[in-house]
Amino acid sequence: METGVSINEKDYLAGGQTVFPGQSPGLTGFTIPSEEYVKGSFSAHTFDELADSQLQTIWEDMLAWIREQELAAGDMGIEIYHQETVSLPRPEMYCLFPIKPKLS
């Protein structure tokens, strides 16, 4: 499984595993926080389309839905796909956004 995490719309972390013993020097661990998330799943004709135009669209749609529900999005988005699906006819992935009640 490949995971990408965009934090504060500027830093992007990518990786294939979240934890493994004897981690190599120079690698940094990141734990996805235990929170409430909204999940958007989607597919495309090719992986390039999936990771480019479809990804941008799903992020925009999810953020619009969060606002419509009068919630606030957290400061990161998480993209997840299984590496073995990349070459399938309709690769799939999903995104997670942390959500919380809006402060008045």
N, C-alpha and C. Protein backbone atom coordinates (compact mmCIF):
# COMPACT_ATOMS: atom_id res chain seq x y z
N MET A 1 0.84 -1.17 0.00
CA MET A 1 0.00 0.00 0.00
C MET A 1 0.89 1.24 0.00
N GLU A 2 0.56 2.18 -0.83
CA GLU A 2 1.26 3.46 -0.88
C GLU A 2 0.39 4.51 -0.22
N THR A 3 1.01 5.37 0.55
CA THR A 3 0.28 6.42 1.26
C THR A 3 0.98 7.75 1.04
N GLY A 4 0.23 8.77 0.71
CA GLY A 4 0.76 10.11 0.62
C GLY A 4 0.01 10.99 1.59
N VAL A 5 0.71 11.88 2.28
CA VAL A 5 0.07 12.77 3.24
C VAL A 5 0.47 14.20 2.90
N SER A 6 -0.50 15.03 2.61
CA SER A 6 -0.27 16.44 2.35
C SER A 6 -0.62 17.20 3.62
N ILE A 7 0.34 17.93 4.17
CA ILE A 7 0.13 18.64 5.42
C ILE A 7 0.20 20.15 5.17
N ASN A 8 -0.85 20.84 5.57
CA ASN A 8 -0.91 22.30 5.44
C ASN A 8 -0.66 22.76 4.00
N GLU A 9 -1.04 21.94 3.04
CA GLU A 9 -0.93 22.26 1.62
C GLU A 9 0.48 22.63 1.18
N LYS A 10 1.52 22.21 1.93
CA LYS A 10 2.88 22.54 1.50
C LYS A 10 3.84 21.38 1.62
N ASP A 11 3.71 20.56 2.65
CA ASP A 11 4.61 19.43 2.83
C ASP A 11 3.91 18.17 2.35
N TYR A 12 4.66 17.30 1.70
CA TYR A 12 4.07 16.06 1.22
C TYR A 12 4.99 14.91 1.61
N LEU A 13 4.43 13.94 2.32
CA LEU A 13 5.16 12.76 2.74
C LEU A 13 4.63 11.58 1.94
N ALA A 14 5.48 10.68 1.53
CA ALA A 14 5.03 9.50 0.81
C ALA A 14 5.74 8.28 1.36
N GLY A 15 5.05 7.16 1.34
CA GLY A 15 5.69 5.96 1.84
C GLY A 15 4.91 4.71 1.52
N GLY A 16 5.53 3.59 1.77
CA GLY A 16 4.91 2.32 1.48
C GLY A 16 4.50 1.55 2.71
N GLN A 17 5.08 1.84 3.85
CA GLN A 17 4.72 1.18 5.10
C GLN A 17 4.67 2.24 6.18
N THR A 18 3.84 2.00 7.16
CA THR A 18 3.76 2.98 8.24
C THR A 18 4.74 2.68 9.35
N VAL A 19 5.06 1.41 9.59
CA VAL A 19 5.97 1.04 10.67
C VAL A 19 6.73 -0.22 10.27
N PHE A 20 8.02 -0.24 10.52
CA PHE A 20 8.75 -1.49 10.41
C PHE A 20 9.99 -1.42 11.27
N PRO A 21 10.35 -2.53 11.91
CA PRO A 21 11.50 -2.55 12.81
C PRO A 21 12.80 -2.30 12.05
N GLY A 22 13.76 -1.68 12.71
CA GLY A 22 15.07 -1.44 12.11
C GLY A 22 15.02 -0.44 10.97
N GLN A 23 14.20 0.56 11.10
CA GLN A 23 14.05 1.57 10.06
C GLN A 23 15.40 2.15 9.67
N SER A 24 15.65 2.29 8.39
CA SER A 24 16.93 2.79 7.88
C SER A 24 17.16 4.24 8.30
N PRO A 25 18.43 4.61 8.52
CA PRO A 25 18.74 6.01 8.81
C PRO A 25 18.28 6.90 7.66
N GLY A 26 17.81 8.07 7.99
CA GLY A 26 17.35 9.01 6.97
C GLY A 26 15.86 8.91 6.68
N LEU A 27 15.20 7.86 7.15
CA LEU A 27 13.76 7.75 6.97
C LEU A 27 13.06 8.28 8.21
N THR A 28 11.92 8.88 8.01
CA THR A 28 11.16 9.44 9.12
C THR A 28 9.83 8.73 9.22
N GLY A 29 9.43 8.39 10.42
CA GLY A 29 8.13 7.77 10.63
C GLY A 29 7.04 8.82 10.76
N PHE A 30 5.83 8.45 10.40
CA PHE A 30 4.68 9.33 10.54
C PHE A 30 3.49 8.45 10.91
N THR A 31 2.80 8.80 11.98
CA THR A 31 1.62 8.06 12.41
C THR A 31 0.38 8.88 12.05
N ILE A 32 -0.53 8.26 11.33
CA ILE A 32 -1.77 8.95 10.99
C ILE A 32 -2.59 9.07 12.28
N PRO A 33 -2.94 10.30 12.65
CA PRO A 33 -3.65 10.50 13.92
C PRO A 33 -5.01 9.80 13.96
N SER A 34 -5.37 9.37 15.14
CA SER A 34 -6.68 8.77 15.36
C SER A 34 -7.69 9.90 15.50
N GLU A 35 -8.47 10.13 14.46
CA GLU A 35 -9.46 11.20 14.44
C GLU A 35 -10.67 10.72 13.65
N GLU A 36 -11.65 11.58 13.50
CA GLU A 36 -12.75 11.31 12.59
C GLU A 36 -12.35 11.81 11.21
N TYR A 37 -12.62 10.99 10.19
CA TYR A 37 -12.25 11.33 8.82
C TYR A 37 -13.45 11.18 7.90
N VAL A 38 -13.46 11.95 6.83
CA VAL A 38 -14.37 11.73 5.73
C VAL A 38 -13.53 11.04 4.65
N LYS A 39 -14.13 10.04 3.99
CA LYS A 39 -13.41 9.24 3.01
C LYS A 39 -14.07 9.38 1.65
N GLY A 40 -13.24 9.63 0.63
CA GLY A 40 -13.73 9.68 -0.74
C GLY A 40 -12.97 8.66 -1.57
N SER A 41 -13.70 7.74 -2.19
CA SER A 41 -13.09 6.72 -3.05
C SER A 41 -13.39 7.05 -4.50
N PHE A 42 -12.46 6.74 -5.38
CA PHE A 42 -12.66 7.05 -6.79
C PHE A 42 -11.75 6.20 -7.65
N SER A 43 -12.04 6.17 -8.95
CA SER A 43 -11.24 5.42 -9.91
C SER A 43 -11.10 6.24 -11.18
N ALA A 44 -10.26 5.78 -12.09
CA ALA A 44 -10.04 6.47 -13.36
C ALA A 44 -9.63 5.42 -14.40
N HIS A 45 -9.50 5.85 -15.64
CA HIS A 45 -9.10 4.93 -16.72
C HIS A 45 -7.64 4.52 -16.61
N THR A 46 -6.78 5.43 -16.14
CA THR A 46 -5.36 5.14 -16.00
C THR A 46 -4.88 5.68 -14.66
N PHE A 47 -3.72 5.20 -14.21
CA PHE A 47 -3.17 5.70 -12.95
C PHE A 47 -2.79 7.17 -13.08
N ASP A 48 -2.25 7.58 -14.24
CA ASP A 48 -1.89 8.99 -14.43
C ASP A 48 -3.11 9.89 -14.27
N GLU A 49 -4.24 9.49 -14.86
CA GLU A 49 -5.47 10.26 -14.72
C GLU A 49 -5.94 10.25 -13.27
N LEU A 50 -5.82 9.11 -12.62
CA LEU A 50 -6.23 8.96 -11.23
C LEU A 50 -5.46 9.91 -10.32
N ALA A 51 -4.14 9.93 -10.47
CA ALA A 51 -3.28 10.71 -9.58
C ALA A 51 -3.17 12.17 -9.99
N ASP A 52 -3.78 12.55 -11.10
CA ASP A 52 -3.69 13.93 -11.55
C ASP A 52 -5.07 14.60 -11.47
N SER A 53 -5.83 14.55 -12.52
CA SER A 53 -7.09 15.29 -12.56
C SER A 53 -8.14 14.73 -11.60
N GLN A 54 -8.27 13.41 -11.48
CA GLN A 54 -9.26 12.85 -10.58
C GLN A 54 -8.95 13.16 -9.12
N LEU A 55 -7.69 13.12 -8.76
CA LEU A 55 -7.30 13.41 -7.38
C LEU A 55 -7.66 14.84 -7.01
N GLN A 56 -7.37 15.78 -7.88
CA GLN A 56 -7.70 17.18 -7.61
C GLN A 56 -9.21 17.35 -7.46
N THR A 57 -9.97 16.69 -8.33
CA THR A 57 -11.43 16.78 -8.28
C THR A 57 -11.99 16.22 -6.98
N ILE A 58 -11.50 15.07 -6.55
CA ILE A 58 -12.04 14.46 -5.33
C ILE A 58 -11.71 15.32 -4.11
N TRP A 59 -10.50 15.92 -4.09
CA TRP A 59 -10.15 16.81 -2.97
C TRP A 59 -11.12 17.99 -2.92
N GLU A 60 -11.37 18.61 -4.07
CA GLU A 60 -12.28 19.76 -4.12
C GLU A 60 -13.69 19.35 -3.70
N ASP A 61 -14.17 18.20 -4.18
CA ASP A 61 -15.51 17.72 -3.83
C ASP A 61 -15.61 17.42 -2.33
N MET A 62 -14.60 16.78 -1.78
CA MET A 62 -14.63 16.44 -0.36
C MET A 62 -14.61 17.70 0.50
N LEU A 63 -13.78 18.66 0.15
CA LEU A 63 -13.73 19.91 0.93
C LEU A 63 -15.05 20.67 0.82
N ALA A 64 -15.67 20.66 -0.35
CA ALA A 64 -16.99 21.31 -0.50
C ALA A 64 -18.02 20.61 0.37
N TRP A 65 -18.01 19.27 0.40
CA TRP A 65 -18.96 18.52 1.23
C TRP A 65 -18.75 18.83 2.71
N ILE A 66 -17.51 18.91 3.13
CA ILE A 66 -17.20 19.23 4.53
C ILE A 66 -17.78 20.59 4.90
N ARG A 67 -17.60 21.58 4.03
CA ARG A 67 -18.15 22.92 4.29
C ARG A 67 -19.68 22.88 4.32
N GLU A 68 -20.30 22.14 3.38
CA GLU A 68 -21.76 22.04 3.34
C GLU A 68 -22.32 21.42 4.62
N GLN A 69 -21.57 20.53 5.23
CA GLN A 69 -22.00 19.87 6.47
C GLN A 69 -21.69 20.72 7.70
N GLU A 70 -21.17 21.93 7.46
CA GLU A 70 -20.79 22.85 8.53
C GLU A 70 -19.75 22.25 9.46
N LEU A 71 -18.80 21.56 8.84
CA LEU A 71 -17.66 21.00 9.56
C LEU A 71 -16.41 21.74 9.11
N ALA A 72 -15.33 21.51 9.78
CA ALA A 72 -14.04 22.08 9.40
C ALA A 72 -13.11 20.93 9.04
N ALA A 73 -12.32 21.14 8.00
CA ALA A 73 -11.33 20.14 7.59
C ALA A 73 -10.07 20.35 8.43
N GLY A 74 -9.40 19.27 8.75
CA GLY A 74 -8.13 19.36 9.45
C GLY A 74 -7.07 19.91 8.51
N ASP A 75 -5.84 19.92 8.96
CA ASP A 75 -4.78 20.54 8.18
C ASP A 75 -3.98 19.54 7.35
N MET A 76 -4.58 18.40 7.01
CA MET A 76 -3.89 17.45 6.14
C MET A 76 -4.90 16.64 5.35
N GLY A 77 -4.43 16.05 4.27
CA GLY A 77 -5.21 15.11 3.49
C GLY A 77 -4.35 13.88 3.27
N ILE A 78 -4.96 12.72 3.25
CA ILE A 78 -4.22 11.47 3.11
C ILE A 78 -4.72 10.76 1.86
N GLU A 79 -3.79 10.38 0.99
CA GLU A 79 -4.11 9.65 -0.23
C GLU A 79 -3.60 8.23 -0.08
N ILE A 80 -4.43 7.26 -0.40
CA ILE A 80 -4.03 5.86 -0.23
C ILE A 80 -4.43 5.05 -1.45
N TYR A 81 -3.48 4.27 -1.95
CA TYR A 81 -3.78 3.31 -3.02
C TYR A 81 -2.90 2.09 -2.84
N HIS A 82 -3.38 0.97 -3.36
CA HIS A 82 -2.62 -0.26 -3.32
C HIS A 82 -1.78 -0.36 -4.59
N GLN A 83 -0.48 -0.54 -4.44
CA GLN A 83 0.45 -0.55 -5.56
C GLN A 83 0.02 -1.54 -6.65
N GLU A 84 -0.52 -2.68 -6.25
CA GLU A 84 -0.89 -3.69 -7.25
C GLU A 84 -2.07 -3.27 -8.13
N THR A 85 -2.78 -2.20 -7.77
CA THR A 85 -3.91 -1.74 -8.59
C THR A 85 -3.48 -0.75 -9.68
N VAL A 86 -2.25 -0.27 -9.63
CA VAL A 86 -1.79 0.76 -10.57
C VAL A 86 -1.95 0.33 -12.02
N SER A 87 -1.67 -0.92 -12.33
CA SER A 87 -1.72 -1.38 -13.72
C SER A 87 -3.07 -1.97 -14.12
N LEU A 88 -4.05 -1.98 -13.23
CA LEU A 88 -5.37 -2.50 -13.57
C LEU A 88 -6.09 -1.56 -14.54
N PRO A 89 -7.09 -2.07 -15.28
CA PRO A 89 -7.81 -1.22 -16.23
C PRO A 89 -8.46 0.02 -15.59
N ARG A 90 -8.95 -0.08 -14.35
CA ARG A 90 -9.52 1.08 -13.66
C ARG A 90 -8.92 1.15 -12.26
N PRO A 91 -7.71 1.71 -12.14
CA PRO A 91 -7.10 1.80 -10.81
C PRO A 91 -7.96 2.65 -9.87
N GLU A 92 -7.89 2.32 -8.58
CA GLU A 92 -8.69 3.01 -7.57
C GLU A 92 -7.80 3.54 -6.46
N MET A 93 -8.26 4.56 -5.79
CA MET A 93 -7.61 5.06 -4.58
C MET A 93 -8.66 5.75 -3.73
N TYR A 94 -8.25 6.13 -2.54
CA TYR A 94 -9.16 6.90 -1.70
C TYR A 94 -8.38 7.96 -0.94
N CYS A 95 -9.11 8.96 -0.50
CA CYS A 95 -8.53 10.07 0.27
C CYS A 95 -9.28 10.19 1.59
N LEU A 96 -8.56 10.62 2.59
CA LEU A 96 -9.13 10.87 3.91
C LEU A 96 -8.83 12.31 4.31
N PHE A 97 -9.84 12.99 4.85
CA PHE A 97 -9.64 14.31 5.45
C PHE A 97 -10.14 14.25 6.88
N PRO A 98 -9.33 14.70 7.85
CA PRO A 98 -9.84 14.78 9.21
C PRO A 98 -10.92 15.86 9.27
N ILE A 99 -11.95 15.62 10.07
CA ILE A 99 -13.03 16.60 10.20
C ILE A 99 -13.27 16.88 11.68
N LYS A 100 -13.78 18.07 11.93
CA LYS A 100 -14.13 18.47 13.29
C LYS A 100 -15.22 19.53 13.21
N PRO A 101 -15.97 19.72 14.29
CA PRO A 101 -17.01 20.74 14.27
C PRO A 101 -16.38 22.12 14.06
N LYS A 102 -17.12 22.97 13.35
CA LYS A 102 -16.66 24.35 13.15
C LYS A 102 -16.76 25.10 14.46
N LEU A 103 -15.76 25.91 14.72
CA LEU A 103 -15.83 26.79 15.88
C LEU A 103 -16.58 28.05 15.48
N SER A 104 -17.54 28.45 16.27
CA SER A 104 -18.35 29.65 15.92
C SER A 104 -17.60 30.91 16.21
